[in-house]
Protein backbone atom coordinates (compact mmCIF):
# COMPACT_ATOMS: atom_id res chain seq x y z
CA MET A 1 -5.98 -22.34 -1.24
CA SER A 2 -2.85 -20.67 -0.31
CA LYS A 3 -2.29 -17.85 2.07
CA PRO A 4 -1.79 -14.62 0.42
CA ALA A 5 1.68 -13.12 0.82
CA ARG A 6 2.59 -10.51 3.49
CA PHE A 7 3.41 -7.11 2.39
CA ARG A 8 6.28 -6.15 4.70
CA ALA A 9 6.12 -2.54 3.83
CA GLN A 10 7.95 0.18 5.44
CA ALA A 11 7.46 3.90 5.97
CA GLY A 12 8.76 5.56 2.53
CA ASP A 13 7.57 2.55 0.40
CA VAL A 14 4.88 3.42 -2.28
CA ILE A 15 1.39 1.60 -2.38
CA GLU A 16 0.05 1.26 -6.18
CA ILE A 17 -3.69 0.36 -6.70
CA GLU A 18 -4.78 -0.47 -10.17
CA GLY A 19 -8.06 1.13 -11.25
CA HIS A 20 -11.34 -1.09 -10.88
CA ARG A 21 -13.17 0.35 -13.86
CA VAL A 22 -12.37 0.80 -17.57
CA GLY A 23 -10.64 4.20 -17.77
CA ALA A 24 -10.06 4.42 -13.89
CA SER A 25 -6.31 5.41 -13.39
CA ARG A 26 -3.82 3.76 -11.06
CA ARG A 27 -3.59 5.42 -7.52
CA LEU A 28 -0.16 5.87 -5.91
CA GLY A 29 0.51 6.72 -2.28
CA GLU A 30 3.48 6.89 -0.02
CA ILE A 31 3.37 4.95 3.32
CA VAL A 32 3.71 7.28 5.99
CA GLU A 33 3.32 4.80 8.95
CA VAL A 34 2.96 0.84 9.21
CA LEU A 35 0.11 -0.04 11.74
CA GLY A 36 -1.02 -3.07 13.43
CA GLU A 37 0.23 -6.46 13.88
CA PRO A 38 2.67 -8.18 11.29
CA GLU A 39 -0.21 -10.53 10.40
CA ARG A 40 -2.72 -7.74 10.04
CA GLU A 41 -0.52 -4.72 8.64
CA HIS A 42 -2.18 -1.74 7.55
CA TYR A 43 -0.86 1.67 6.75
CA ARG A 44 -1.20 5.71 7.05
CA VAL A 45 -0.81 6.55 3.21
CA ARG A 46 -0.46 9.86 1.92
CA TRP A 47 -2.08 9.85 -1.49
CA GLN A 48 -0.92 11.89 -4.74
CA ASP A 49 -3.70 14.40 -3.84
CA GLY A 50 -2.22 15.24 -0.45
CA ARG A 51 -4.95 13.48 1.54
CA GLU A 52 -4.03 10.90 4.19
CA THR A 53 -5.92 7.73 4.90
CA ILE A 54 -5.60 4.50 6.74
CA PHE A 55 -5.37 1.68 4.13
CA TYR A 56 -6.03 -2.05 4.56
CA PRO A 57 -4.28 -3.84 1.59
CA SER A 58 -5.93 -6.13 -0.56
CA ASN A 59 -5.05 -8.27 -3.48
CA ASP A 60 -5.31 -5.18 -5.87
CA ALA A 61 -2.46 -3.46 -4.06
CA ARG A 62 1.39 -3.76 -4.67
CA VAL A 63 4.06 -2.24 -2.49
CA ARG A 64 7.17 -0.79 -4.33
CA HIS A 65 9.89 -0.53 -1.94
CA ALA A 66 11.90 2.83 -1.57
CA ALA A 67 15.65 2.53 -2.45
CA GLY A 68 17.44 0.91 0.51
CA HIS A 69 14.40 -1.25 1.60
CA ARG A 70 14.31 -4.97 1.43
């Protein structure tokens, strides 16, 4: 089994999570801060509804890099 790719996100990037149920909409949030070690990266995210949470990514999350990021 291969190891999942690391996110390598930066503040300003966008996290996108697909809905898990039929009819559930996709969630978007801006990464405000990158936390943890590179192998266990997690993020402080400001979601579209204005809430901020600590987010640990899984295989259903994608990072969209902000303009100017890698």
